[in-house]
C-alpha atoms as a PDB file:
ATOM      1  CA  MET A   1     -26.131 116.589 -99.775  1.00  0.00           C
ATOM      2  CA  ALA A   2     -28.611 114.718-101.979  1.00  0.00           C
ATOM      3  CA  LEU A   3     -29.700 117.844-103.649  1.00  0.00           C
ATOM      4  CA  PHE A   4     -25.738 118.555-103.944  1.00  0.00           C
ATOM      5  CA  GLU A   5     -25.183 115.182-105.497  1.00  0.00           C
ATOM      6  CA  ALA A   6     -28.082 115.623-107.979  1.00  0.00           C
ATOM      7  CA  VAL A   7     -26.964 118.888-109.089  1.00  0.00           C
ATOM      8  CA  ARG A   8     -23.303 117.904-109.312  1.00  0.00           C
ATOM      9  CA  TRP A   9     -24.174 115.003-111.301  1.00  0.00           C
ATOM     10  CA  THR A  10     -26.535 116.828-113.568  1.00  0.00           C
ATOM     11  CA  PHE A  11     -24.009 119.627-114.242  1.00  0.00           C
ATOM     12  CA  ARG A  12     -21.015 117.151-114.728  1.00  0.00           C
ATOM     13  CA  GLY A  13     -23.191 115.223-117.257  1.00  0.00           C
ATOM     14  CA  LEU A  14     -23.666 118.630-119.325  1.00  0.00           C
ATOM     15  CA  VAL A  15     -20.065 119.373-119.149  1.00  0.00           C
ATOM     16  CA  ALA A  16     -18.939 115.863-120.186  1.00  0.00           C
ATOM     17  CA  GLY A  17     -21.576 115.709-123.248  1.00  0.00           C
ATOM     18  CA  THR A  18     -20.993 119.272-124.496  1.00  0.00           C
ATOM     19  CA  CYS A  19     -17.203 119.976-123.539  1.00  0.00           C
ATOM     20  CA  ARG A  20     -15.545 116.621-123.144  1.00  0.00           C
ATOM     21  CA  PRO A  21     -13.061 117.849-120.768  1.00  0.00           C
ATOM     22  CA  THR A  22      -9.607 116.314-119.681  1.00  0.00           C
ATOM     23  CA  VAL A  23      -9.812 115.524-116.131  1.00  0.00           C
ATOM     24  CA  VAL A  24      -6.788 114.273-114.323  1.00  0.00           C
ATOM     25  CA  GLY A  25      -5.721 113.764-110.612  1.00  0.00           C
ATOM     26  CA  LEU A  26      -8.803 113.315-108.834  1.00  0.00           C
ATOM     27  CA  GLU A  27      -7.391 110.731-106.859  1.00  0.00           C
ATOM     28  CA  ASN A  28      -5.340 113.467-105.231  1.00  0.00           C
ATOM     29  CA  VAL A  29      -8.661 114.795-103.459  1.00  0.00           C
ATOM     30  CA  PRO A  30      -8.484 113.445 -99.736  1.00  0.00           C
ATOM     31  CA  LYS A  31     -11.290 110.860 -98.907  1.00  0.00           C
ATOM     32  CA  GLU A  32     -12.046 112.579 -95.827  1.00  0.00           C
ATOM     33  CA  GLY A  33     -11.174 115.327 -93.611  1.00  0.00           C
ATOM     34  CA  PRO A  34     -10.749 118.962 -94.559  1.00  0.00           C
ATOM     35  CA  PHE A  35      -8.972 120.453 -97.835  1.00  0.00           C
ATOM     36  CA  ILE A  36      -8.425 123.561 -99.430  1.00  0.00           C
ATOM     37  CA  VAL A  37      -8.803 123.745-103.465  1.00  0.00           C
ATOM     38  CA  ALA A  38      -6.489 126.471-105.008  1.00  0.00           C
ATOM     39  CA  PRO A  39      -7.210 126.858-108.693  1.00  0.00           C
ATOM     40  CA  ASN A  40      -6.018 129.471-111.270  1.00  0.00           C
ATOM     41  CA  HIS A  41      -9.074 131.610-112.323  1.00  0.00           C
ATOM     42  CA  LEU A  42      -9.768 132.011-115.949  1.00  0.00           C
ATOM     43  CA  SER A  43     -13.613 132.027-116.307  1.00  0.00           C
ATOM     44  CA  PHE A  44     -16.862 132.772-114.718  1.00  0.00           C
ATOM     45  CA  PHE A  45     -17.571 129.014-114.912  1.00  0.00           C
ATOM     46  CA  ASP A  46     -14.539 128.016-113.344  1.00  0.00           C
ATOM     47  CA  SER A  47     -16.283 127.477-109.625  1.00  0.00           C
ATOM     48  CA  VAL A  48     -18.934 125.355-110.807  1.00  0.00           C
ATOM     49  CA  ILE A  49     -16.779 123.405-112.894  1.00  0.00           C
ATOM     50  CA  VAL A  50     -14.576 122.611-109.849  1.00  0.00           C
ATOM     51  CA  GLN A  51     -17.730 122.064-107.819  1.00  0.00           C
ATOM     52  CA  ALA A  52     -19.214 119.569-110.351  1.00  0.00           C
ATOM     53  CA  LEU A  53     -16.165 117.512-111.599  1.00  0.00           C
ATOM     54  CA  MET A  54     -14.687 117.100-107.748  1.00  0.00           C
ATOM     55  CA  PRO A  55     -15.386 113.838-105.998  1.00  0.00           C
ATOM     56  CA  ARG A  56     -16.252 115.816-102.836  1.00  0.00           C
ATOM     57  CA  PRO A  57     -18.265 119.064-102.246  1.00  0.00           C
ATOM     58  CA  VAL A  58     -16.211 122.191-102.399  1.00  0.00           C
ATOM     59  CA  ALA A  59     -17.552 125.628-100.993  1.00  0.00           C
ATOM     60  CA  PHE A  60     -16.542 128.531-102.991  1.00  0.00           C
ATOM     61  CA  PHE A  61     -17.557 132.321-102.589  1.00  0.00           C
ATOM     62  CA  ALA A  62     -20.374 133.961-105.170  1.00  0.00           C
ATOM     63  CA  LYS A  63     -21.671 137.420-105.304  1.00  0.00           C
ATOM     64  CA  ALA A  64     -24.525 137.768-103.152  1.00  0.00           C
ATOM     65  CA  GLU A  65     -26.532 139.178-105.776  1.00  0.00           C
ATOM     66  CA  TYR A  66     -26.606 135.501-107.246  1.00  0.00           C
ATOM     67  CA  PHE A  67     -29.102 134.632-104.139  1.00  0.00           C
ATOM     68  CA  THR A  68     -30.900 137.823-103.948  1.00  0.00           C
ATOM     69  CA  THR A  69     -31.861 138.392-107.806  1.00  0.00           C
ATOM     70  CA  GLY A  70     -35.753 138.568-108.162  1.00  0.00           C
ATOM     71  CA  GLY A  71     -38.036 136.643-110.618  1.00  0.00           C
ATOM     72  CA  VAL A  72     -37.777 133.161-112.047  1.00  0.00           C
ATOM     73  CA  LYS A  73     -34.155 133.569-112.949  1.00  0.00           C
ATOM     74  CA  GLY A  74     -33.525 134.847-109.718  1.00  0.00           C
ATOM     75  CA  LYS A  75     -34.981 131.674-108.029  1.00  0.00           C
ATOM     76  CA  VAL A  76     -33.031 129.381-110.431  1.00  0.00           C
ATOM     77  CA  MET A  77     -29.622 131.071-109.728  1.00  0.00           C
ATOM     78  CA  LYS A  78     -30.248 130.890-105.960  1.00  0.00           C
ATOM     79  CA  SER A  79     -31.252 127.233-105.824  1.00  0.00           C
ATOM     80  CA  PHE A  80     -28.096 126.348-108.152  1.00  0.00           C
ATOM     81  CA  PHE A  81     -25.610 128.071-106.166  1.00  0.00           C
ATOM     82  CA  GLU A  82     -27.069 127.135-102.780  1.00  0.00           C
ATOM     83  CA  SER A  83     -27.035 123.448-104.067  1.00  0.00           C
ATOM     84  CA  VAL A  84     -23.569 123.464-105.035  1.00  0.00           C
ATOM     85  CA  GLY A  85     -22.381 124.807-101.687  1.00  0.00           C
ATOM     86  CA  SER A  86     -21.608 128.380-102.614  1.00  0.00           C
ATOM     87  CA  ILE A  87     -21.174 131.119 -99.924  1.00  0.00           C
ATOM     88  CA  PRO A  88     -22.993 134.589-100.604  1.00  0.00           C
ATOM     89  CA  VAL A  89     -20.335 137.595-100.233  1.00  0.00           C
ATOM     90  CA  GLU A  90     -21.021 140.990-100.798  1.00  0.00           C
ATOM     91  CA  ARG A  91     -19.805 143.059-103.665  1.00  0.00           C
ATOM     92  CA  GLY A  92     -16.847 144.615-102.889  1.00  0.00           C
ATOM     93  CA  GLU A  93     -15.886 142.385-100.187  1.00  0.00           C
ATOM     94  CA  GLN A  94     -12.615 140.696-100.608  1.00  0.00           C
ATOM     95  CA  ALA A  95     -12.438 137.059-100.535  1.00  0.00           C
ATOM     96  CA  ALA A  96      -8.712 137.541 -98.557  1.00  0.00           C
ATOM     97  CA  SER A  97     -11.083 139.683 -95.812  1.00  0.00           C
ATOM     98  CA  VAL A  98     -10.888 138.683 -92.267  1.00  0.00           C
ATOM     99  CA  GLN A  99     -14.467 137.779 -91.936  1.00  0.00           C
ATOM    100  CA  ALA A 100     -14.530 135.994 -95.172  1.00  0.00           C
ATOM    101  CA  LEU A 101     -11.590 133.920 -94.112  1.00  0.00           C
ATOM    102  CA  LYS A 102     -13.292 133.159 -90.731  1.00  0.00           C
ATOM    103  CA  THR A 103     -16.295 131.966 -92.796  1.00  0.00           C
ATOM    104  CA  LEU A 104     -14.057 129.482 -94.933  1.00  0.00           C
ATOM    105  CA  LEU A 105     -12.116 128.591 -91.642  1.00  0.00           C
ATOM    106  CA  ASP A 106     -15.514 127.309 -89.794  1.00  0.00           C
ATOM    107  CA  ILE A 107     -15.995 125.009 -92.934  1.00  0.00           C
ATOM    108  CA  LEU A 108     -12.320 123.403 -92.591  1.00  0.00           C
ATOM    109  CA  GLU A 109     -12.850 123.029 -88.919  1.00  0.00           C
ATOM    110  CA  ALA A 110     -16.085 121.062 -89.850  1.00  0.00           C
ATOM    111  CA  GLY A 111     -13.897 118.800 -91.733  1.00  0.00           C
ATOM    112  CA  LYS A 112     -15.069 119.849 -95.166  1.00  0.00           C
ATOM    113  CA  GLY A 113     -13.695 121.368 -98.451  1.00  0.00           C
ATOM    114  CA  ILE A 114     -13.246 124.845 -99.485  1.00  0.00           C
ATOM    115  CA  GLY A 115     -12.060 126.527-102.787  1.00  0.00           C
ATOM    116  CA  ILE A 116     -10.342 129.830-102.739  1.00  0.00           C
ATOM    117  CA  TYR A 117      -8.550 131.695-105.903  1.00  0.00           C
ATOM    118  CA  PRO A 118      -5.288 132.848-104.484  1.00  0.00           C
ATOM    119  CA  GLU A 119      -5.354 135.388-107.592  1.00  0.00           C
ATOM    120  CA  GLY A 120      -8.229 136.783-106.228  1.00  0.00           C
ATOM    121  CA  THR A 121     -10.193 137.539-109.641  1.00  0.00           C
ATOM    122  CA  ARG A 122      -9.982 136.249-112.999  1.00  0.00           C
ATOM    123  CA  SER A 123      -7.217 136.694-115.139  1.00  0.00           C
ATOM    124  CA  ARG A 124      -8.309 138.370-118.286  1.00  0.00           C
ATOM    125  CA  ASP A 125      -5.276 138.078-120.277  1.00  0.00           C
ATOM    126  CA  GLY A 126      -4.499 134.431-119.334  1.00  0.00           C
ATOM    127  CA  ILE A 127      -1.390 135.346-117.234  1.00  0.00           C
ATOM    128  CA  LEU A 128      -1.044 133.731-113.790  1.00  0.00           C
ATOM    129  CA  TYR A 129      -0.615 136.739-111.319  1.00  0.00           C
ATOM    130  CA  ARG A 130       0.821 136.775-107.810  1.00  0.00           C
ATOM    131  CA  GLY A 131      -1.164 135.135-105.024  1.00  0.00           C
ATOM    132  CA  ARG A 132      -2.768 136.962-102.321  1.00  0.00           C
ATOM    133  CA  THR A 133      -1.802 135.636 -98.952  1.00  0.00           C
ATOM    134  CA  GLY A 134      -5.440 134.462 -97.764  1.00  0.00           C
ATOM    135  CA  VAL A 135      -4.708 130.652 -98.868  1.00  0.00           C
ATOM    136  CA  GLY A 136      -1.532 130.959 -96.988  1.00  0.00           C
ATOM    137  CA  TRP A 137      -3.237 132.040 -94.065  1.00  0.00           C
ATOM    138  CA  LEU A 138      -5.845 129.218 -94.120  1.00  0.00           C
ATOM    139  CA  ALA A 139      -3.261 126.475 -94.826  1.00  0.00           C
ATOM    140  CA  LEU A 140      -1.181 127.770 -91.728  1.00  0.00           C
ATOM    141  CA  ALA A 141      -4.242 128.114 -89.575  1.00  0.00           C
ATOM    142  CA  THR A 142      -6.095 124.935 -89.921  1.00  0.00           C
ATOM    143  CA  GLY A 143      -3.143 122.630 -91.165  1.00  0.00           C
ATOM    144  CA  ALA A 144      -5.674 121.459 -93.900  1.00  0.00           C
ATOM    145  CA  PRO A 145      -4.072 120.110 -97.050  1.00  0.00           C
ATOM    146  CA  VAL A 146      -4.097 122.538-100.493  1.00  0.00           C
ATOM    147  CA  ILE A 147      -4.932 120.778-103.444  1.00  0.00           C
ATOM    148  CA  PRO A 148      -3.333 122.891-106.426  1.00  0.00           C
ATOM    149  CA  VAL A 149      -5.567 123.007-109.784  1.00  0.00           C
ATOM    150  CA  GLY A 150      -4.667 124.038-113.290  1.00  0.00           C
ATOM    151  CA  LEU A 151      -7.499 125.039-115.592  1.00  0.00           C
ATOM    152  CA  ILE A 152      -6.561 125.153-118.842  1.00  0.00           C
ATOM    153  CA  GLY A 153      -9.183 126.675-121.626  1.00  0.00           C
ATOM    154  CA  THR A 154     -11.964 127.684-119.526  1.00  0.00           C
ATOM    155  CA  GLU A 155     -11.605 131.114-120.692  1.00  0.00           C
ATOM    156  CA  ASN A 156     -13.436 129.980-123.847  1.00  0.00           C
ATOM    157  CA  LEU A 157     -16.565 128.899-122.148  1.00  0.00           C
ATOM    158  CA  GLN A 158     -17.486 132.307-121.897  1.00  0.00           C
ATOM    159  CA  PRO A 159     -15.228 134.556-124.380  1.00  0.00           C
ATOM    160  CA  ALA A 160     -14.687 138.161-123.042  1.00  0.00           C
ATOM    161  CA  GLY A 161     -17.524 140.486-123.850  1.00  0.00           C
ATOM    162  CA  GLU A 162     -20.033 137.750-124.232  1.00  0.00           C
ATOM    163  CA  LYS A 163     -22.722 136.223-122.011  1.00  0.00           C
ATOM    164  CA  GLY A 164     -23.958 132.457-121.902  1.00  0.00           C
ATOM    165  CA  PHE A 165     -22.092 129.347-121.913  1.00  0.00           C
ATOM    166  CA  LYS A 166     -20.295 128.280-125.003  1.00  0.00           C
ATOM    167  CA  PRO A 167     -19.377 124.702-125.086  1.00  0.00           C
ATOM    168  CA  HIS A 168     -15.419 124.216-125.576  1.00  0.00           C
ATOM    169  CA  HIS A 169     -13.116 121.528-124.472  1.00  0.00           C
ATOM    170  CA  PHE A 170     -10.966 122.367-121.385  1.00  0.00           C
ATOM    171  CA  THR A 171      -8.635 120.490-118.944  1.00  0.00           C
ATOM    172  CA  MET A 172      -8.576 120.490-115.524  1.00  0.00           C
ATOM    173  CA  LYS A 173      -5.515 118.983-113.757  1.00  0.00           C
ATOM    174  CA  VAL A 174      -5.669 118.482-109.973  1.00  0.00           C
ATOM    175  CA  GLY A 175      -2.094 118.219-108.269  1.00  0.00           C
ATOM    176  CA  GLU A 176      -0.798 116.312-105.362  1.00  0.00           C
ATOM    177  CA  PRO A 177      -1.743 117.815-102.062  1.00  0.00           C
ATOM    178  CA  LEU A 178       0.493 120.360-100.364  1.00  0.00           C
ATOM    179  CA  TYR A 179       1.169 120.056 -96.894  1.00  0.00           C
ATOM    180  CA  PHE A 180       1.964 122.872 -94.217  1.00  0.00           C
ATOM    181  CA  ASP A 181       2.532 122.770 -90.409  1.00  0.00           C
ATOM    182  CA  LYS A 182      -0.284 123.882 -88.447  1.00  0.00           C
ATOM    183  CA  THR A 183       0.617 127.205 -86.767  1.00  0.00           C
ATOM    184  CA  GLY A 184      -2.740 128.256 -85.692  1.00  0.00           C
ATOM    185  CA  PRO A 185      -4.214 131.857 -86.851  1.00  0.00           C
ATOM    186  CA  ASP A 186      -1.386 133.757 -85.165  1.00  0.00           C
ATOM    187  CA  HIS A 187       1.899 133.207 -87.376  1.00  0.00           C
ATOM    188  CA  SER A 188       4.132 135.729 -89.689  1.00  0.00           C
ATOM    189  CA  LEU A 189       3.622 137.385 -92.827  1.00  0.00           C
ATOM    190  CA  PRO A 190       6.732 136.010 -93.942  1.00  0.00           C
ATOM    191  CA  ALA A 191       5.519 132.501 -93.352  1.00  0.00           C
ATOM    192  CA  ARG A 192       2.408 133.129 -94.848  1.00  0.00           C
ATOM    193  CA  ARG A 193       3.963 134.614 -98.157  1.00  0.00           C
ATOM    194  CA  GLN A 194       6.259 131.595 -98.293  1.00  0.00           C
ATOM    195  CA  VAL A 195       3.157 129.119 -98.223  1.00  0.00           C
ATOM    196  CA  THR A 196       1.242 131.240-100.854  1.00  0.00           C
ATOM    197  CA  ASP A 197       4.273 131.142-103.217  1.00  0.00           C
ATOM    198  CA  ARG A 198       4.775 127.428-102.947  1.00  0.00           C
ATOM    199  CA  ILE A 199       1.120 126.949-103.704  1.00  0.00           C
ATOM    200  CA  MET A 200       1.187 129.348-106.676  1.00  0.00           C
ATOM    201  CA  ASP A 201       4.358 127.537-108.093  1.00  0.00           C
ATOM    202  CA  ALA A 202       2.434 124.299-108.134  1.00  0.00           C
ATOM    203  CA  ILE A 203      -0.754 125.854-109.806  1.00  0.00           C
ATOM    204  CA  ALA A 204       1.838 127.315-112.460  1.00  0.00           C
ATOM    205  CA  GLU A 205       3.236 123.902-113.256  1.00  0.00           C
ATOM    206  CA  LEU A 206      -0.182 122.514-113.567  1.00  0.00           C
ATOM    207  CA  SER A 207      -1.501 125.221-115.782  1.00  0.00           C
ATOM    208  CA  GLY A 208       1.719 126.311-117.689  1.00  0.00           C
ATOM    209  CA  GLN A 209       0.709 129.872-117.801  1.00  0.00           C
ATOM    210  CA  GLU A 210       2.852 132.980-118.008  1.00  0.00           C
ATOM    211  CA  ARG A 211       3.443 134.382-114.598  1.00  0.00           C
ATOM    212  CA  SER A 212       3.411 137.913-113.122  1.00  0.00           C
ATOM    213  CA  THR A 213       5.101 139.158-110.101  1.00  0.00           C
ATOM    214  CA  SER A 214       2.175 141.880-109.861  1.00  0.00           C
ATOM    215  CA  TYR A 215      -1.214 141.028-108.259  1.00  0.00           C
ATOM    216  CA  ASN A 216      -4.384 141.009-110.600  1.00  0.00           C
ATOM    217  CA  GLN A 217      -6.716 143.882-110.018  1.00  0.00           C
ATOM    218  CA  SER A 218     -10.398 143.479-109.577  1.00  0.00           C
ATOM    219  CA  LYS A 219     -12.696 144.878-111.941  1.00  0.00           C
ATOM    220  CA  ALA A 220     -16.668 145.446-111.520  1.00  0.00           C
ATOM    221  CA  ALA A 221     -17.510 142.636-113.900  1.00  0.00           C
ATOM    222  CA  ASP A 222     -15.839 140.144-111.938  1.00  0.00           C
END
């Protein structure tokens, strides 16, 4: 926890000093107990931004290669992602897969916070795509409150086709918790879809994005 706090405060200071973000709604994050953070997804940096700016630790998935790359760069990457609570997942393994969701379930049952992108992958055109139902499954299986988050302008931190970090103002809006009845892991697909759609409605209200009724398709670069 001490390492997490040190890294979080360091990155928070870096982001605040270079990007001067607008952050609202942090009081909506529960002070204790499990919670699910559900943001829209525009940038490679979205996860670490949420992890740095949230008042409590939030565990997100990260590519396994970030933990296994060799050399000095690899060691730095591994240390950073481990310190902010990222969870390695193999390339090609979907965040909505059964095993991946069980990993998140274990974290929630321990009373901690997790983050999951309902869209599944980054939106490269700024559109908010249809939510995949993994987030709905987690909400119903655990009864943990869902915290919708609207990220605005984070795509400018790493424009398409570029590498590295480009300081730019962005906004993070944290919405009021959404509560759903705990049904356990066995529930109907329509119930899961209904919960997911409600979560996506809340994200859309915060982000102000144009919406699509289609799923976003993964690309190798994501």
